[in-house]
Amino acid sequence: MVDIILLVGKLVLLALLYLFLFAAVRAGLGYVRAAGPAAAGARLALAVVEGPRELKGVSVPVTGPIIIGRSPGADIVIADDFISSTHARVTPSPDGTAVIEDLESTNGTVVNGSVIVRPVALASGDMVDLGSVRLKVVRA
């Protein structure tokens, strides 16, 4: 009788283990699909169209907050006297767009010809001027 109870207990434990593994794999697949090519294609990138030769043609996808400045700790480092050490920040939005804000830079941040004083939403095709550097917002 004890053998039958132990066998049933083993089978129940094995079934619970398989259910747990199935749930874990199913949840993991959801994370992989969310970060796949469809999600990445909806994101924006910053492409350098004018500026130093080293930066021209560089494109940085906006997948997280990006600090632009002269400081070596910035994500995009621009060696220009008109760029502050931490000049601007570009942050992705959940809807696939991005927001740029000036970080109290000395010379300001210009979006589509207008100096910004508060965070501004960016769309594909927008032009961002920081000193002598011009960035274009493109689809990644």
Protein backbone atom coordinates (compact mmCIF):
# COMPACT_ATOMS: atom_id res chain seq x y z
CA MET A 1 0.00 0.00 0.00
CA VAL A 2 2.84 2.37 0.86
CA ASP A 3 4.43 1.65 -2.52
CA ILE A 4 1.28 2.76 -4.35
CA ILE A 5 1.07 5.99 -2.33
CA LEU A 6 4.74 6.76 -3.05
CA LEU A 7 4.23 6.03 -6.78
CA VAL A 8 1.20 8.36 -6.94
CA GLY A 9 3.15 11.04 -5.03
CA LYS A 10 6.05 10.76 -7.52
CA LEU A 11 3.67 11.03 -10.48
CA VAL A 12 1.94 14.09 -9.00
CA LEU A 13 5.31 15.71 -8.29
CA LEU A 14 6.50 14.96 -11.83
CA ALA A 15 3.28 16.42 -13.31
CA LEU A 16 3.69 19.60 -11.23
CA LEU A 17 7.31 19.91 -12.35
CA TYR A 18 6.28 19.65 -16.02
CA LEU A 19 3.53 22.25 -15.51
CA PHE A 20 6.03 24.61 -13.89
CA LEU A 21 8.52 24.17 -16.74
CA PHE A 22 5.78 24.71 -19.33
CA ALA A 23 4.70 27.95 -17.60
CA ALA A 24 8.31 29.18 -17.37
CA VAL A 25 9.01 28.51 -21.06
CA ARG A 26 5.73 30.14 -22.09
CA ALA A 27 6.55 33.28 -20.06
CA GLY A 28 10.08 33.38 -21.49
CA LEU A 29 8.79 33.21 -25.06
CA GLY A 30 6.64 36.25 -24.36
CA TYR A 31 9.73 38.23 -23.40
CA VAL A 32 11.64 37.07 -26.47
CA ARG A 33 8.78 38.06 -28.80
CA ALA A 34 8.50 41.53 -27.19
CA ALA A 35 12.19 42.26 -27.84
CA GLY A 36 12.24 40.79 -31.35
CA PRO A 37 12.55 42.52 -34.72
CA ALA A 38 8.97 43.84 -34.74
CA ALA A 39 9.53 45.82 -31.53
CA ALA A 40 12.97 47.02 -32.61
CA GLY A 41 11.65 48.21 -35.99
CA ALA A 42 9.21 50.55 -34.31
CA ARG A 43 12.02 52.39 -32.49
CA LEU A 44 13.88 55.54 -33.45
CA ALA A 45 17.59 56.20 -33.89
CA LEU A 46 19.75 59.32 -33.94
CA ALA A 47 21.89 59.61 -37.08
CA VAL A 48 24.72 62.15 -37.27
CA VAL A 49 24.39 64.04 -40.57
CA GLU A 50 26.73 66.98 -39.86
CA GLY A 51 29.61 67.26 -37.46
CA PRO A 52 33.07 65.83 -36.83
CA ARG A 53 34.37 63.32 -39.36
CA GLU A 54 34.54 60.61 -36.69
CA LEU A 55 30.81 60.91 -35.96
CA LYS A 56 29.44 61.48 -39.45
CA GLY A 57 27.24 58.57 -40.48
CA VAL A 58 27.00 57.13 -36.96
CA SER A 59 23.50 56.00 -35.97
CA VAL A 60 22.55 55.29 -32.35
CA PRO A 61 19.26 53.46 -31.66
CA VAL A 62 17.16 54.99 -28.88
CA THR A 63 16.64 51.86 -26.79
CA GLY A 64 17.23 53.56 -23.44
CA PRO A 65 18.10 57.02 -22.13
CA ILE A 66 20.94 58.57 -24.16
CA ILE A 67 23.05 61.40 -22.75
CA ILE A 68 24.68 63.63 -25.35
CA GLY A 69 27.59 65.80 -24.28
CA ARG A 70 31.30 66.53 -24.12
CA SER A 71 31.89 64.44 -20.99
CA PRO A 72 33.61 61.06 -21.48
CA GLY A 73 30.75 59.54 -19.46
CA ALA A 74 28.14 60.60 -22.04
CA ASP A 75 26.62 58.01 -24.36
CA ILE A 76 27.32 60.17 -27.41
CA VAL A 77 30.55 62.12 -26.84
CA ILE A 78 30.95 65.24 -28.99
CA ALA A 79 34.24 67.14 -28.70
CA ASP A 80 32.91 70.60 -29.51
CA ASP A 81 33.38 73.81 -27.49
CA PHE A 82 29.69 74.67 -27.95
CA ILE A 83 28.54 71.39 -26.35
CA SER A 84 28.12 71.21 -22.56
CA SER A 85 29.48 68.24 -20.61
CA THR A 86 25.94 66.87 -20.31
CA HIS A 87 24.06 68.76 -22.99
CA ALA A 88 20.85 66.83 -23.74
CA ARG A 89 19.05 63.57 -22.98
CA VAL A 90 16.96 61.51 -25.39
CA THR A 91 14.59 59.03 -23.78
CA PRO A 92 12.45 56.44 -25.57
CA SER A 93 8.68 56.49 -25.07
CA PRO A 94 6.55 53.35 -24.78
CA ASP A 95 4.74 54.27 -28.01
CA GLY A 96 7.93 53.96 -30.11
CA THR A 97 8.75 57.68 -30.21
CA ALA A 98 11.36 59.55 -28.19
CA VAL A 99 11.58 62.67 -26.04
CA ILE A 100 14.53 65.08 -25.98
CA GLU A 101 15.27 67.47 -23.16
CA ASP A 102 17.97 70.08 -22.75
CA LEU A 103 20.00 69.51 -19.57
CA GLU A 104 20.51 73.23 -18.85
CA SER A 105 23.24 73.50 -21.47
CA THR A 106 24.97 76.81 -22.06
CA ASN A 107 24.18 77.09 -25.78
CA GLY A 108 20.83 75.27 -25.86
CA THR A 109 19.35 72.49 -27.94
CA VAL A 110 17.56 73.22 -31.21
CA VAL A 111 14.86 70.94 -32.64
CA ASN A 112 13.62 71.75 -36.16
CA GLY A 113 14.99 75.30 -35.91
CA SER A 114 13.47 76.13 -32.49
CA VAL A 115 15.37 76.30 -29.22
CA ILE A 116 13.67 73.98 -26.74
CA VAL A 117 12.98 75.01 -23.14
CA ARG A 118 11.06 71.91 -22.04
CA PRO A 119 11.05 68.24 -23.14
CA VAL A 120 9.92 67.82 -26.75
CA ALA A 121 8.62 64.71 -28.51
CA LEU A 122 10.70 63.60 -31.48
CA ALA A 123 9.38 61.98 -34.64
CA SER A 124 11.11 60.43 -37.61
CA GLY A 125 12.59 63.17 -39.82
CA ASP A 126 13.14 65.72 -37.03
CA MET A 127 16.49 67.56 -36.98
CA VAL A 128 18.35 68.21 -33.72
CA ASP A 129 21.17 70.78 -33.61
CA LEU A 130 23.74 70.73 -30.80
CA GLY A 131 26.59 73.16 -31.45
CA SER A 132 28.01 72.30 -34.87
CA VAL A 133 26.51 68.81 -34.84
CA ARG A 134 23.24 67.99 -36.58
CA LEU A 135 21.37 64.80 -35.76
CA LYS A 136 18.47 63.42 -37.76
CA VAL A 137 15.82 61.26 -36.14
CA VAL A 138 15.33 58.12 -38.24
CA ARG A 139 13.51 54.80 -37.91
CA ALA A 140 15.85 52.10 -36.60
